[in-house]
Amino acid sequence: MAKAQQEKLPKERGRPRLEKLHARYEIQITSWDFSWSFYLSGPTDRWQGRSHFREVATLILMGRVLAPEGFKYPEALLHLVADPWLDSLVEQPAAIGSIHINGRQFTGYVPIPSNQMPMLVSSANRLLFVELYGTPLRYRKALINELHLNTTPD
């Protein structure tokens, strides 16, 4: 009697893939600040390569972290930086921004399309909450995949 041959599945090689973990950070905005700079690009700014001028607009949102509950970094600072060449990216980015921890402060950086900055600055007084979705903190760093600015609590 012959044994029935079973089909063998190909073995996966290498390290097993970790499932992607997600985290939600909610920040209550307590104050905000805006800064704008315009200057000549220097010869060492060749990575810019698009203009002889450089413009930097930053909306800084300050607040306290509400979620996750019991988060050990209560102070939050979120920098929304206008990037005029954001739409011209060739490669798919890994995230829209990043988070890192300085001392006891939760600090985030997110580049935004520069054409959205006037709308954000004009509504900054009404903004109450920021929701960030991304990866959990690991070694005091994380990536931001989604950003939501709200004028009412959800």
Protein backbone atom coordinates (compact mmCIF):
# COMPACT_ATOMS: atom_id res chain seq x y z
CA MET A 1 0.00 0.00 0.00
CA ALA A 2 1.50 3.28 -1.07
CA LYS A 3 1.40 6.26 1.21
CA ALA A 4 -0.50 9.25 -0.08
CA GLN A 5 1.89 12.00 -0.90
CA GLN A 6 1.17 15.25 0.84
CA GLU A 7 1.92 18.55 -0.79
CA LYS A 8 4.60 20.41 1.08
CA LEU A 9 4.15 24.09 1.63
CA PRO A 10 7.24 26.21 1.02
CA LYS A 11 8.98 27.24 4.22
CA GLU A 12 9.22 30.91 4.93
CA ARG A 13 12.79 31.95 5.40
CA GLY A 14 14.25 34.56 7.68
CA ARG A 15 12.87 36.12 10.81
CA PRO A 16 9.15 35.96 11.42
CA ARG A 17 7.36 39.22 10.67
CA LEU A 18 6.01 41.07 13.65
CA GLU A 19 2.45 42.22 13.34
CA LYS A 20 2.11 45.96 13.07
CA LEU A 21 1.12 47.58 16.33
CA HIS A 22 -0.92 50.76 16.41
CA ALA A 23 -1.17 53.46 19.03
CA ARG A 24 -3.49 56.43 19.49
CA TYR A 25 -2.31 59.62 21.14
CA GLU A 26 -4.81 62.34 22.04
CA ILE A 27 -3.58 65.80 22.98
CA GLN A 28 -5.64 68.63 24.43
CA ILE A 29 -4.32 71.90 23.01
CA THR A 30 -3.64 74.59 25.62
CA SER A 31 -1.78 77.16 23.49
CA TRP A 32 -0.19 77.67 20.11
CA ASP A 33 2.54 79.69 18.42
CA PHE A 34 3.45 80.49 14.82
CA SER A 35 6.78 81.38 13.26
CA TRP A 36 7.73 82.28 9.69
CA SER A 37 11.17 82.81 8.15
CA PHE A 38 12.29 83.81 4.66
CA TYR A 39 15.94 83.86 3.60
CA LEU A 40 18.46 83.12 0.87
CA SER A 41 19.55 79.52 0.45
CA GLY A 42 23.25 79.07 1.02
CA PRO A 43 25.57 77.14 -1.27
CA THR A 44 25.51 74.24 1.20
CA ASP A 45 21.72 73.95 0.84
CA ARG A 46 22.09 72.00 -2.41
CA TRP A 47 19.75 69.29 -1.14
CA GLN A 48 17.02 71.89 -1.54
CA GLY A 49 18.01 72.41 -5.18
CA ARG A 50 14.79 74.14 -6.21
CA SER A 51 15.18 77.80 -5.43
CA HIS A 52 17.61 80.45 -4.27
CA PHE A 53 15.19 81.30 -1.49
CA ARG A 54 14.02 79.34 1.52
CA GLU A 55 10.79 79.81 3.44
CA VAL A 56 9.93 78.10 6.71
CA ALA A 57 6.50 78.35 8.36
CA THR A 58 5.83 76.43 11.57
CA LEU A 59 2.67 76.13 13.64
CA ILE A 60 3.49 74.87 17.14
CA LEU A 61 0.67 73.35 19.18
CA MET A 62 1.28 72.92 22.92
CA GLY A 63 -0.85 70.87 25.26
CA ARG A 64 -1.19 67.84 27.48
CA VAL A 65 -1.55 64.19 26.57
CA LEU A 66 -4.98 62.74 27.41
CA ALA A 67 -4.65 59.31 25.82
CA PRO A 68 -3.29 56.79 26.43
CA GLU A 69 -4.40 57.16 30.04
CA GLY A 70 -1.60 57.27 32.57
CA PHE A 71 0.90 58.24 29.88
CA LYS A 72 4.16 59.10 31.61
CA TYR A 73 4.98 62.06 29.35
CA PRO A 74 2.19 64.58 30.14
CA GLU A 75 3.47 67.64 28.22
CA ALA A 76 3.07 67.70 24.45
CA LEU A 77 4.55 69.84 21.69
CA LEU A 78 3.55 69.31 18.06
CA HIS A 79 5.37 71.09 15.21
CA LEU A 80 3.40 71.39 11.95
CA VAL A 81 5.94 72.52 9.36
CA ALA A 82 4.88 73.77 5.91
CA ASP A 83 6.65 71.85 3.15
CA PRO A 84 6.10 73.28 -0.36
CA TRP A 85 7.56 70.16 -2.04
CA LEU A 86 5.61 67.59 -0.06
CA ASP A 87 3.43 66.70 -3.05
CA SER A 88 6.47 66.11 -5.27
CA LEU A 89 7.78 63.13 -3.28
CA VAL A 90 8.77 60.28 -5.55
CA GLU A 91 8.84 57.43 -3.03
CA GLN A 92 6.09 56.31 -0.67
CA PRO A 93 7.09 57.58 2.80
CA ALA A 94 7.05 55.23 5.81
CA ALA A 95 5.03 57.76 7.85
CA ILE A 96 3.78 61.35 7.76
CA GLY A 97 5.74 62.40 10.83
CA SER A 98 7.61 61.32 13.91
CA ILE A 99 7.48 61.48 17.69
CA HIS A 100 10.30 61.55 20.17
CA ILE A 101 10.56 62.16 23.89
CA ASN A 102 12.77 64.89 25.39
CA GLY A 103 12.90 64.62 29.15
CA ARG A 104 9.22 64.55 30.11
CA GLN A 105 7.96 66.18 26.90
CA PHE A 106 6.21 64.39 24.04
CA THR A 107 7.39 66.13 20.84
CA GLY A 108 6.01 65.51 17.35
CA TYR A 109 7.05 66.76 13.91
CA VAL A 110 4.69 66.61 10.93
CA PRO A 111 5.33 68.25 7.54
CA ILE A 112 2.12 69.53 5.96
CA PRO A 113 1.38 70.91 2.48
CA SER A 114 2.29 74.60 2.51
CA ASN A 115 -1.01 75.60 0.91
CA GLN A 116 -2.80 74.34 4.07
CA MET A 117 -0.81 76.50 6.52
CA PRO A 118 -2.96 79.70 6.16
CA MET A 119 -6.11 77.69 6.92
CA LEU A 120 -4.52 76.09 10.00
CA VAL A 121 -3.17 79.37 11.36
CA SER A 122 -6.52 81.11 10.88
CA SER A 123 -8.30 78.36 12.82
CA ALA A 124 -5.59 77.80 15.47
CA ASN A 125 -7.61 79.65 18.15
CA ARG A 126 -10.49 77.19 17.73
CA LEU A 127 -8.43 73.99 17.71
CA LEU A 128 -8.97 72.00 20.90
CA PHE A 129 -7.70 68.47 20.29
CA VAL A 130 -5.11 66.62 18.23
CA GLU A 131 -5.37 62.91 17.53
CA LEU A 132 -2.28 61.09 16.32
CA TYR A 133 -2.33 57.50 15.10
CA GLY A 134 0.91 55.66 14.60
CA THR A 135 3.28 53.17 16.14
CA PRO A 136 3.76 52.70 19.88
CA LEU A 137 6.76 54.36 21.47
CA ARG A 138 9.88 52.25 21.27
CA TYR A 139 13.12 53.60 22.68
CA ARG A 140 11.31 56.94 23.15
CA LYS A 141 10.54 57.24 19.40
CA ALA A 142 7.52 56.51 17.20
CA LEU A 143 6.11 57.20 13.74
CA ILE A 144 2.92 59.12 12.96
CA ASN A 145 0.63 57.70 10.27
CA GLU A 146 -2.45 59.91 10.74
CA LEU A 147 -3.10 63.38 12.12
CA HIS A 148 -6.54 64.77 13.02
CA LEU A 149 -7.12 68.32 14.29
CA ASN A 150 -10.49 68.86 15.99
CA THR A 151 -12.43 71.85 17.25
CA THR A 152 -14.71 69.62 19.34
CA PRO A 153 -13.99 66.57 21.52
CA ASP A 154 -14.82 63.22 19.91
